[in-house]
Amino acid sequence: MDGMIYSIHLEKTILPMNIHYKYWRKIGVTKELLECPYYNIEFGAILLSRIKARIENPSVKKIASIYNFLEAEKVTEYSARVEKLYLRRPWN
């Protein structure tokens, strides 16, 4: 994918949604649930939806910045690449 270098730490996340278990364990999310692709994707979709609801003038770039790093205060290079891929839709 355009030689992307991901800023996410894959060794610390659970695929397929690259969810940082340590961020969410306090709200009752278990590692076992996140290791199930169905629940992993469902939880990732819930996170994206909640992030979108809390951001002023949400955009793919803003949502991806927060999803990638909860304390992000500005749009990152990573999130700009996410938006580019979203608009190109190479999976179609």
PDB file of N, CA and C in Angstrom:
ATOM      1  N   MET A   1       0.831  -1.183   0.000  1.00  0.00           N
ATOM      2  CA  MET A   1       0.000   0.000   0.000  1.00  0.00           C
ATOM      3  C   MET A   1       0.872   1.242   0.000  1.00  0.00           C
ATOM      4  N   ASP A   2       1.437   1.575  -1.145  1.00  0.00           N
ATOM      5  CA  ASP A   2       2.241   2.777  -1.288  1.00  0.00           C
ATOM      6  C   ASP A   2       3.424   2.819  -0.326  1.00  0.00           C
ATOM      7  N   GLY A   3       3.951   1.681   0.055  1.00  0.00           N
ATOM      8  CA  GLY A   3       5.102   1.646   0.949  1.00  0.00           C
ATOM      9  C   GLY A   3       4.858   2.302   2.300  1.00  0.00           C
ATOM     10  N   MET A   4       3.648   2.181   2.790  1.00  0.00           N
ATOM     11  CA  MET A   4       3.291   2.830   4.053  1.00  0.00           C
ATOM     12  C   MET A   4       4.104   2.289   5.218  1.00  0.00           C
ATOM     13  N   ILE A   5       4.472   3.191   6.075  1.00  0.00           N
ATOM     14  CA  ILE A   5       5.089   2.813   7.340  1.00  0.00           C
ATOM     15  C   ILE A   5       4.079   3.176   8.407  1.00  0.00           C
ATOM     16  N   TYR A   6       3.560   2.191   9.085  1.00  0.00           N
ATOM     17  CA  TYR A   6       2.506   2.426  10.063  1.00  0.00           C
ATOM     18  C   TYR A   6       3.075   2.943  11.369  1.00  0.00           C
ATOM     19  N   SER A   7       2.385   3.928  11.935  1.00  0.00           N
ATOM     20  CA  SER A   7       2.818   4.461  13.222  1.00  0.00           C
ATOM     21  C   SER A   7       2.225   3.660  14.370  1.00  0.00           C
ATOM     22  N   ILE A   8       1.330   2.727  14.057  1.00  0.00           N
ATOM     23  CA  ILE A   8       0.761   1.901  15.113  1.00  0.00           C
ATOM     24  C   ILE A   8       1.774   0.834  15.510  1.00  0.00           C
ATOM     25  N   HIS A   9       1.679   0.370  16.699  1.00  0.00           N
ATOM     26  CA  HIS A   9       2.595  -0.656  17.196  1.00  0.00           C
ATOM     27  C   HIS A   9       1.876  -1.996  17.123  1.00  0.00           C
ATOM     28  N   LEU A  10       2.051  -2.694  16.009  1.00  0.00           N
ATOM     29  CA  LEU A  10       1.319  -3.931  15.784  1.00  0.00           C
ATOM     30  C   LEU A  10       1.596  -4.983  16.844  1.00  0.00           C
ATOM     31  N   GLU A  11       2.790  -4.968  17.423  1.00  0.00           N
ATOM     32  CA  GLU A  11       3.084  -5.969  18.446  1.00  0.00           C
ATOM     33  C   GLU A  11       2.282  -5.733  19.720  1.00  0.00           C
ATOM     34  N   LYS A  12       1.702  -4.541  19.857  1.00  0.00           N
ATOM     35  CA  LYS A  12       0.923  -4.213  21.046  1.00  0.00           C
ATOM     36  C   LYS A  12      -0.574  -4.207  20.778  1.00  0.00           C
ATOM     37  N   THR A  13      -0.967  -4.507  19.556  1.00  0.00           N
ATOM     38  CA  THR A  13      -2.380  -4.457  19.202  1.00  0.00           C
ATOM     39  C   THR A  13      -2.891  -5.840  18.843  1.00  0.00           C
ATOM     40  N   ILE A  14      -4.214  -5.949  18.813  1.00  0.00           N
ATOM     41  CA  ILE A  14      -4.847  -7.212  18.433  1.00  0.00           C
ATOM     42  C   ILE A  14      -5.575  -6.977  17.112  1.00  0.00           C
ATOM     43  N   LEU A  15      -5.220  -7.784  16.126  1.00  0.00           N
ATOM     44  CA  LEU A  15      -5.816  -7.680  14.790  1.00  0.00           C
ATOM     45  C   LEU A  15      -7.205  -8.295  14.767  1.00  0.00           C
ATOM     46  N   PRO A  16      -8.072  -7.949  13.843  1.00  0.00           N
ATOM     47  CA  PRO A  16      -7.798  -7.169  12.644  1.00  0.00           C
ATOM     48  C   PRO A  16      -7.931  -5.656  12.804  1.00  0.00           C
ATOM     49  N   MET A  17      -8.483  -5.144  13.877  1.00  0.00           N
ATOM     50  CA  MET A  17      -8.718  -3.700  14.013  1.00  0.00           C
ATOM     51  C   MET A  17      -7.579  -2.988  14.746  1.00  0.00           C
ATOM     52  N   ASN A  18      -6.481  -3.709  15.011  1.00  0.00           N
ATOM     53  CA  ASN A  18      -5.325  -3.121  15.699  1.00  0.00           C
ATOM     54  C   ASN A  18      -5.724  -2.415  16.990  1.00  0.00           C
ATOM     55  N   ILE A  19      -6.452  -3.131  17.826  1.00  0.00           N
ATOM     56  CA  ILE A  19      -6.958  -2.559  19.074  1.00  0.00           C
ATOM     57  C   ILE A  19      -5.938  -2.755  20.189  1.00  0.00           C
ATOM     58  N   HIS A  20      -5.611  -1.672  20.870  1.00  0.00           N
ATOM     59  CA  HIS A  20      -4.710  -1.719  22.020  1.00  0.00           C
ATOM     60  C   HIS A  20      -5.508  -2.220  23.221  1.00  0.00           C
ATOM     61  N   TYR A  21      -5.348  -3.472  23.546  1.00  0.00           N
ATOM     62  CA  TYR A  21      -6.081  -4.084  24.664  1.00  0.00           C
ATOM     63  C   TYR A  21      -5.888  -3.300  25.957  1.00  0.00           C
ATOM     64  N   LYS A  22      -4.666  -2.859  26.221  1.00  0.00           N
ATOM     65  CA  LYS A  22      -4.391  -2.180  27.497  1.00  0.00           C
ATOM     66  C   LYS A  22      -5.208  -0.902  27.651  1.00  0.00           C
ATOM     67  N   TYR A  23      -5.597  -0.266  26.557  1.00  0.00           N
ATOM     68  CA  TYR A  23      -6.414   0.952  26.639  1.00  0.00           C
ATOM     69  C   TYR A  23      -7.833   0.652  27.114  1.00  0.00           C
ATOM     70  N   TRP A  24      -8.335  -0.523  26.783  1.00  0.00           N
ATOM     71  CA  TRP A  24      -9.765  -0.788  26.957  1.00  0.00           C
ATOM     72  C   TRP A  24     -10.096  -1.828  28.008  1.00  0.00           C
ATOM     73  N   ARG A  25      -9.117  -2.461  28.593  1.00  0.00           N
ATOM     74  CA  ARG A  25      -9.399  -3.528  29.560  1.00  0.00           C
ATOM     75  C   ARG A  25     -10.168  -3.028  30.780  1.00  0.00           C
ATOM     76  N   LYS A  26      -9.994  -1.762  31.134  1.00  0.00           N
ATOM     77  CA  LYS A  26     -10.681  -1.222  32.313  1.00  0.00           C
ATOM     78  C   LYS A  26     -12.184  -1.081  32.113  1.00  0.00           C
ATOM     79  N   ILE A  27     -12.641  -1.113  30.877  1.00  0.00           N
ATOM     80  CA  ILE A  27     -14.091  -1.012  30.638  1.00  0.00           C
ATOM     81  C   ILE A  27     -14.710  -2.388  30.405  1.00  0.00           C
ATOM     82  N   GLY A  28     -13.943  -3.439  30.695  1.00  0.00           N
ATOM     83  CA  GLY A  28     -14.498  -4.782  30.633  1.00  0.00           C
ATOM     84  C   GLY A  28     -14.221  -5.557  29.364  1.00  0.00           C
ATOM     85  N   VAL A  29     -13.427  -5.001  28.474  1.00  0.00           N
ATOM     86  CA  VAL A  29     -13.076  -5.714  27.247  1.00  0.00           C
ATOM     87  C   VAL A  29     -12.000  -6.736  27.597  1.00  0.00           C
ATOM     88  N   THR A  30     -12.228  -7.973  27.219  1.00  0.00           N
ATOM     89  CA  THR A  30     -11.243  -9.012  27.520  1.00  0.00           C
ATOM     90  C   THR A  30     -10.367  -9.284  26.306  1.00  0.00           C
ATOM     91  N   LYS A  31      -9.165  -9.727  26.578  1.00  0.00           N
ATOM     92  CA  LYS A  31      -8.240 -10.078  25.508  1.00  0.00           C
ATOM     93  C   LYS A  31      -8.825 -11.215  24.665  1.00  0.00           C
ATOM     94  N   GLU A  32      -9.501 -12.141  25.325  1.00  0.00           N
ATOM     95  CA  GLU A  32     -10.100 -13.281  24.615  1.00  0.00           C
ATOM     96  C   GLU A  32     -11.158 -12.811  23.615  1.00  0.00           C
ATOM     97  N   LEU A  33     -11.989 -11.854  24.015  1.00  0.00           N
ATOM     98  CA  LEU A  33     -12.990 -11.318  23.082  1.00  0.00           C
ATOM     99  C   LEU A  33     -12.322 -10.625  21.904  1.00  0.00           C
ATOM    100  N   LEU A  34     -11.300  -9.832  22.182  1.00  0.00           N
ATOM    101  CA  LEU A  34     -10.632  -9.109  21.103  1.00  0.00           C
ATOM    102  C   LEU A  34      -9.888 -10.042  20.155  1.00  0.00           C
ATOM    103  N   GLU A  35      -9.531 -11.221  20.616  1.00  0.00           N
ATOM    104  CA  GLU A  35      -8.860 -12.184  19.743  1.00  0.00           C
ATOM    105  C   GLU A  35      -9.835 -12.871  18.798  1.00  0.00           C
ATOM    106  N   CYS A  36     -11.129 -12.718  19.026  1.00  0.00           N
ATOM    107  CA  CYS A  36     -12.155 -13.227  18.110  1.00  0.00           C
ATOM    108  C   CYS A  36     -12.397 -12.144  17.058  1.00  0.00           C
ATOM    109  N   PRO A  37     -12.130 -12.423  15.768  1.00  0.00           N
ATOM    110  CA  PRO A  37     -12.280 -11.399  14.733  1.00  0.00           C
ATOM    111  C   PRO A  37     -13.643 -10.708  14.730  1.00  0.00           C
ATOM    112  N   TYR A  38     -14.712 -11.456  14.956  1.00  0.00           N
ATOM    113  CA  TYR A  38     -16.050 -10.859  14.952  1.00  0.00           C
ATOM    114  C   TYR A  38     -16.161  -9.766  16.009  1.00  0.00           C
ATOM    115  N   TYR A  39     -15.785 -10.077  17.243  1.00  0.00           N
ATOM    116  CA  TYR A  39     -15.889  -9.107  18.330  1.00  0.00           C
ATOM    117  C   TYR A  39     -14.854  -7.991  18.196  1.00  0.00           C
ATOM    118  N   ASN A  40     -13.683  -8.333  17.656  1.00  0.00           N
ATOM    119  CA  ASN A  40     -12.648  -7.339  17.430  1.00  0.00           C
ATOM    120  C   ASN A  40     -13.162  -6.265  16.469  1.00  0.00           C
ATOM    121  N   ILE A  41     -13.756  -6.686  15.377  1.00  0.00           N
ATOM    122  CA  ILE A  41     -14.291  -5.740  14.394  1.00  0.00           C
ATOM    123  C   ILE A  41     -15.478  -4.983  14.978  1.00  0.00           C
ATOM    124  N   GLU A  42     -16.337  -5.683  15.701  1.00  0.00           N
ATOM    125  CA  GLU A  42     -17.489  -5.025  16.317  1.00  0.00           C
ATOM    126  C   GLU A  42     -17.024  -3.944  17.305  1.00  0.00           C
ATOM    127  N   PHE A  43     -16.054  -4.266  18.144  1.00  0.00           N
ATOM    128  CA  PHE A  43     -15.551  -3.286  19.102  1.00  0.00           C
ATOM    129  C   PHE A  43     -14.865  -2.128  18.384  1.00  0.00           C
ATOM    130  N   GLY A  44     -14.100  -2.435  17.339  1.00  0.00           N
ATOM    131  CA  GLY A  44     -13.461  -1.378  16.555  1.00  0.00           C
ATOM    132  C   GLY A  44     -14.484  -0.437  15.943  1.00  0.00           C
ATOM    133  N   ALA A  45     -15.576  -0.992  15.424  1.00  0.00           N
ATOM    134  CA  ALA A  45     -16.640  -0.165  14.842  1.00  0.00           C
ATOM    135  C   ALA A  45     -17.301   0.709  15.906  1.00  0.00           C
ATOM    136  N   ILE A  46     -17.504   0.152  17.095  1.00  0.00           N
ATOM    137  CA  ILE A  46     -18.079   0.937  18.201  1.00  0.00           C
ATOM    138  C   ILE A  46     -17.137   2.086  18.567  1.00  0.00           C
ATOM    139  N   LEU A  47     -15.845   1.797  18.656  1.00  0.00           N
ATOM    140  CA  LEU A  47     -14.873   2.847  18.972  1.00  0.00           C
ATOM    141  C   LEU A  47     -14.902   3.955  17.929  1.00  0.00           C
ATOM    142  N   LEU A  48     -14.890   3.569  16.660  1.00  0.00           N
ATOM    143  CA  LEU A  48     -14.911   4.569  15.589  1.00  0.00           C
ATOM    144  C   LEU A  48     -16.166   5.426  15.666  1.00  0.00           C
ATOM    145  N   SER A  49     -17.291   4.793  15.931  1.00  0.00           N
ATOM    146  CA  SER A  49     -18.556   5.515  16.045  1.00  0.00           C
ATOM    147  C   SER A  49     -18.529   6.501  17.213  1.00  0.00           C
ATOM    148  N   ARG A  50     -17.998   6.069  18.340  1.00  0.00           N
ATOM    149  CA  ARG A  50     -17.936   6.946  19.523  1.00  0.00           C
ATOM    150  C   ARG A  50     -16.951   8.091  19.325  1.00  0.00           C
ATOM    151  N   ILE A  51     -15.837   7.800  18.678  1.00  0.00           N
ATOM    152  CA  ILE A  51     -14.878   8.862  18.371  1.00  0.00           C
ATOM    153  C   ILE A  51     -15.535   9.892  17.459  1.00  0.00           C
ATOM    154  N   LYS A  52     -16.203   9.421  16.431  1.00  0.00           N
ATOM    155  CA  LYS A  52     -16.872  10.327  15.484  1.00  0.00           C
ATOM    156  C   LYS A  52     -17.887  11.218  16.202  1.00  0.00           C
ATOM    157  N   ALA A  53     -18.627  10.644  17.135  1.00  0.00           N
ATOM    158  CA  ALA A  53     -19.666  11.397  17.849  1.00  0.00           C
ATOM    159  C   ALA A  53     -19.083  12.490  18.750  1.00  0.00           C
ATOM    160  N   ARG A  54     -17.834  12.339  19.164  1.00  0.00           N
ATOM    161  CA  ARG A  54     -17.228  13.294  20.107  1.00  0.00           C
ATOM    162  C   ARG A  54     -16.378  14.371  19.436  1.00  0.00           C
ATOM    163  N   ILE A  55     -16.117  14.228  18.154  1.00  0.00           N
ATOM    164  CA  ILE A  55     -15.236  15.164  17.464  1.00  0.00           C
ATOM    165  C   ILE A  55     -16.058  16.250  16.775  1.00  0.00           C
ATOM    166  N   GLU A  56     -15.590  17.477  16.916  1.00  0.00           N
ATOM    167  CA  GLU A  56     -16.222  18.585  16.208  1.00  0.00           C
ATOM    168  C   GLU A  56     -15.826  18.495  14.732  1.00  0.00           C
ATOM    169  N   ASN A  57     -16.812  18.571  13.855  1.00  0.00           N
ATOM    170  CA  ASN A  57     -16.585  18.454  12.408  1.00  0.00           C
ATOM    171  C   ASN A  57     -15.758  17.204  12.077  1.00  0.00           C
ATOM    172  N   PRO A  58     -16.285  16.022  12.372  1.00  0.00           N
ATOM    173  CA  PRO A  58     -15.503  14.796  12.174  1.00  0.00           C
ATOM    174  C   PRO A  58     -15.137  14.568  10.711  1.00  0.00           C
ATOM    175  N   SER A  59     -13.950  14.064  10.521  1.00  0.00           N
ATOM    176  CA  SER A  59     -13.471  13.669   9.194  1.00  0.00           C
ATOM    177  C   SER A  59     -12.720  12.354   9.370  1.00  0.00           C
ATOM    178  N   VAL A  60     -12.467  11.679   8.267  1.00  0.00           N
ATOM    179  CA  VAL A  60     -11.714  10.426   8.331  1.00  0.00           C
ATOM    180  C   VAL A  60     -10.352  10.681   8.982  1.00  0.00           C
ATOM    181  N   LYS A  61      -9.699  11.777   8.610  1.00  0.00           N
ATOM    182  CA  LYS A  61      -8.379  12.086   9.175  1.00  0.00           C
ATOM    183  C   LYS A  61      -8.430  12.295  10.686  1.00  0.00           C
ATOM    184  N   LYS A  62      -9.415  13.044  11.146  1.00  0.00           N
ATOM    185  CA  LYS A  62      -9.521  13.308  12.584  1.00  0.00           C
ATOM    186  C   LYS A  62      -9.828  12.028  13.358  1.00  0.00           C
ATOM    187  N   ILE A  63     -10.763  11.245  12.837  1.00  0.00           N
ATOM    188  CA  ILE A  63     -11.142   9.997  13.504  1.00  0.00           C
ATOM    189  C   ILE A  63      -9.956   9.036  13.559  1.00  0.00           C
ATOM    190  N   ALA A  64      -9.236   8.904  12.441  1.00  0.00           N
ATOM    191  CA  ALA A  64      -8.076   8.006  12.394  1.00  0.00           C
ATOM    192  C   ALA A  64      -6.979   8.457  13.353  1.00  0.00           C
ATOM    193  N   SER A  65      -6.803   9.766  13.509  1.00  0.00           N
ATOM    194  CA  SER A  65      -5.786  10.277  14.442  1.00  0.00           C
ATOM    195  C   SER A  65      -6.079   9.830  15.865  1.00  0.00           C
ATOM    196  N   ILE A  66      -7.337   9.980  16.286  1.00  0.00           N
ATOM    197  CA  ILE A  66      -7.725   9.596  17.647  1.00  0.00           C
ATOM    198  C   ILE A  66      -7.711   8.077  17.804  1.00  0.00           C
ATOM    199  N   TYR A  67      -8.192   7.352  16.788  1.00  0.00           N
ATOM    200  CA  TYR A  67      -8.211   5.888  16.850  1.00  0.00           C
ATOM    201  C   TYR A  67      -6.789   5.349  17.016  1.00  0.00           C
ATOM    202  N   ASN A  68      -5.844   5.980  16.328  1.00  0.00           N
ATOM    203  CA  ASN A  68      -4.452   5.546  16.370  1.00  0.00           C
ATOM    204  C   ASN A  68      -3.750   5.961  17.655  1.00  0.00           C
ATOM    205  N   PHE A  69      -4.113   7.125  18.187  1.00  0.00           N
ATOM    206  CA  PHE A  69      -3.479   7.631  19.407  1.00  0.00           C
ATOM    207  C   PHE A  69      -4.500   8.474  20.161  1.00  0.00           C
ATOM    208  N   LEU A  70      -4.981   7.954  21.275  1.00  0.00           N
ATOM    209  CA  LEU A  70      -6.081   8.593  22.004  1.00  0.00           C
ATOM    210  C   LEU A  70      -5.803  10.036  22.400  1.00  0.00           C
ATOM    211  N   GLU A  71      -4.557  10.385  22.579  1.00  0.00           N
ATOM    212  CA  GLU A  71      -4.221  11.741  23.009  1.00  0.00           C
ATOM    213  C   GLU A  71      -3.843  12.660  21.854  1.00  0.00           C
ATOM    214  N   ALA A  72      -4.103  12.242  20.626  1.00  0.00           N
ATOM    215  CA  ALA A  72      -3.760  13.069  19.462  1.00  0.00           C
ATOM    216  C   ALA A  72      -4.492  14.403  19.526  1.00  0.00           C
ATOM    217  N   GLU A  73      -3.753  15.451  19.246  1.00  0.00           N
ATOM    218  CA  GLU A  73      -4.338  16.790  19.248  1.00  0.00           C
ATOM    219  C   GLU A  73      -4.373  17.396  17.859  1.00  0.00           C
ATOM    220  N   LYS A  74      -3.745  16.729  16.912  1.00  0.00           N
ATOM    221  CA  LYS A  74      -3.765  17.214  15.538  1.00  0.00           C
ATOM    222  C   LYS A  74      -3.770  16.019  14.599  1.00  0.00           C
ATOM    223  N   VAL A  75      -4.100  16.286  13.350  1.00  0.00           N
ATOM    224  CA  VAL A  75      -4.121  15.241  12.331  1.00  0.00           C
ATOM    225  C   VAL A  75      -2.684  14.791  12.089  1.00  0.00           C
ATOM    226  N   THR A  76      -2.497  13.483  12.037  1.00  0.00           N
ATOM    227  CA  THR A  76      -1.162  12.922  11.857  1.00  0.00           C
ATOM    228  C   THR A  76      -0.938  12.475  10.420  1.00  0.00           C
ATOM    229  N   GLU A  77       0.323  12.210  10.108  1.00  0.00           N
ATOM    230  CA  GLU A  77       0.660  11.690   8.783  1.00  0.00           C
ATOM    231  C   GLU A  77      -0.043  10.349   8.563  1.00  0.00           C
ATOM    232  N   TYR A  78      -0.078   9.535   9.598  1.00  0.00           N
ATOM    233  CA  TYR A  78      -0.773   8.249   9.515  1.00  0.00           C
ATOM    234  C   TYR A  78      -2.233   8.440   9.115  1.00  0.00           C
ATOM    235  N   SER A  79      -2.916   9.358   9.789  1.00  0.00           N
ATOM    236  CA  SER A  79      -4.344   9.535   9.511  1.00  0.00           C
ATOM    237  C   SER A  79      -4.586  10.137   8.137  1.00  0.00           C
ATOM    238  N   ALA A  80      -3.656  10.936   7.643  1.00  0.00           N
ATOM    239  CA  ALA A  80      -3.775  11.455   6.277  1.00  0.00           C
ATOM    240  C   ALA A  80      -3.688  10.299   5.280  1.00  0.00           C
ATOM    241  N   ARG A  81      -2.830   9.313   5.562  1.00  0.00           N
ATOM    242  CA  ARG A  81      -2.739   8.134   4.682  1.00  0.00           C
ATOM    243  C   ARG A  81      -4.012   7.304   4.763  1.00  0.00           C
ATOM    244  N   VAL A  82      -4.588   7.196   5.967  1.00  0.00           N
ATOM    245  CA  VAL A  82      -5.853   6.467   6.120  1.00  0.00           C
ATOM    246  C   VAL A  82      -6.927   7.117   5.256  1.00  0.00           C
ATOM    247  N   GLU A  83      -7.007   8.444   5.312  1.00  0.00           N
ATOM    248  CA  GLU A  83      -8.011   9.145   4.504  1.00  0.00           C
ATOM    249  C   GLU A  83      -7.780   8.916   3.014  1.00  0.00           C
ATOM    250  N   LYS A  84      -6.532   8.961   2.593  1.00  0.00           N
ATOM    251  CA  LYS A  84      -6.196   8.731   1.183  1.00  0.00           C
ATOM    252  C   LYS A  84      -6.671   7.341   0.748  1.00  0.00           C
ATOM    253  N   LEU A  85      -6.401   6.336   1.562  1.00  0.00           N
ATOM    254  CA  LEU A  85      -6.853   4.977   1.247  1.00  0.00           C
ATOM    255  C   LEU A  85      -8.376   4.886   1.256  1.00  0.00           C
ATOM    256  N   TYR A  86      -9.000   5.538   2.223  1.00  0.00           N
ATOM    257  CA  TYR A  86     -10.464   5.532   2.308  1.00  0.00           C
ATOM    258  C   TYR A  86     -11.071   6.106   1.031  1.00  0.00           C
ATOM    259  N   LEU A  87     -10.510   7.194   0.548  1.00  0.00           N
ATOM    260  CA  LEU A  87     -11.040   7.826  -0.664  1.00  0.00           C
ATOM    261  C   LEU A  87     -10.748   7.001  -1.915  1.00  0.00           C
ATOM    262  N   ARG A  88      -9.588   6.333  -1.965  1.00  0.00           N
ATOM    263  CA  ARG A  88      -9.230   5.504  -3.129  1.00  0.00           C
ATOM    264  C   ARG A  88      -9.933   4.159  -3.118  1.00  0.00           C
ATOM    265  N   ARG A  89     -10.252   3.651  -1.933  1.00  0.00           N
ATOM    266  CA  ARG A  89     -10.924   2.363  -1.756  1.00  0.00           C
ATOM    267  C   ARG A  89     -10.257   1.224  -2.554  1.00  0.00           C
ATOM    268  N   PRO A  90      -8.999   0.938  -2.277  1.00  0.00           N
ATOM    269  CA  PRO A  90      -8.299  -0.104  -3.041  1.00  0.00           C
ATOM    270  C   PRO A  90      -8.857  -1.503  -2.821  1.00  0.00           C
ATOM    271  N   TRP A  91      -9.709  -1.678  -1.833  1.00  0.00           N
ATOM    272  CA  TRP A  91     -10.286  -2.989  -1.551  1.00  0.00           C
ATOM    273  C   TRP A  91     -11.433  -3.324  -2.490  1.00  0.00           C
ATOM    274  N   ASN A  92     -11.921  -2.353  -3.251  1.00  0.00           N
ATOM    275  CA  ASN A  92     -13.029  -2.619  -4.200  1.00  0.00           C
ATOM    276  C   ASN A  92     -12.533  -3.286  -5.454  1.00  0.00           C
TER     277      ASN A  92
END
